[in-house]
Amino acid sequence: MDHLERGGKSQQLAFSYEDEFEKHGLGRLHLLNTTKGGIA
């Protein structure tokens, strides 16, 4: 994936998150701990 394609996909993802937060606030946000020890 070249630089322009990656930037376009990143921008689309950012817009999707922006729309989600505008509609639902942080109510649907879930944080996952993906570190092995459980604490980063």
Protein backbone atom coordinates (compact mmCIF):
# COMPACT_ATOMS: atom_id res chain seq x y z
CA MET A 1 0.00 0.00 0.00
CA ASP A 2 1.53 3.30 -1.00
CA HIS A 3 1.62 6.49 1.05
CA LEU A 4 -1.42 8.10 -0.60
CA GLU A 5 -3.59 4.99 -0.31
CA ARG A 6 -2.63 4.53 3.35
CA GLY A 7 -3.42 8.21 4.06
CA GLY A 8 -6.81 7.93 2.37
CA LYS A 9 -7.75 4.83 4.35
CA SER A 10 -6.57 6.47 7.56
CA GLN A 11 -8.70 9.52 6.83
CA GLN A 12 -11.78 7.37 6.11
CA LEU A 13 -11.29 5.59 9.43
CA ALA A 14 -10.94 8.89 11.28
CA PHE A 15 -14.19 10.16 9.74
CA SER A 16 -15.95 6.94 10.78
CA TYR A 17 -14.84 7.39 14.39
CA GLU A 18 -15.81 11.07 14.32
CA ASP A 19 -19.32 10.18 13.13
CA GLU A 20 -19.65 7.46 15.78
CA PHE A 21 -18.61 9.82 18.60
CA GLU A 22 -20.94 12.57 17.36
CA LYS A 23 -23.90 10.19 17.32
CA HIS A 24 -23.23 8.14 20.45
CA GLY A 25 -20.62 9.97 22.51
CA LEU A 26 -18.33 7.68 24.44
CA GLY A 27 -21.10 5.26 25.43
CA ARG A 28 -19.98 2.60 22.95
CA LEU A 29 -16.26 3.05 23.53
CA HIS A 30 -14.51 0.01 24.98
CA LEU A 31 -10.85 0.00 25.94
CA LEU A 32 -9.00 -3.27 25.74
CA ASN A 33 -5.75 -4.03 27.52
CA THR A 34 -3.65 -5.99 25.05
CA THR A 35 -0.40 -6.08 26.99
CA LYS A 36 0.81 -9.46 28.24
CA GLY A 37 1.18 -8.45 31.88
CA GLY A 38 -2.22 -6.79 32.06
CA ILE A 39 -0.82 -3.39 32.97
CA ALA A 40 0.99 -1.15 30.52
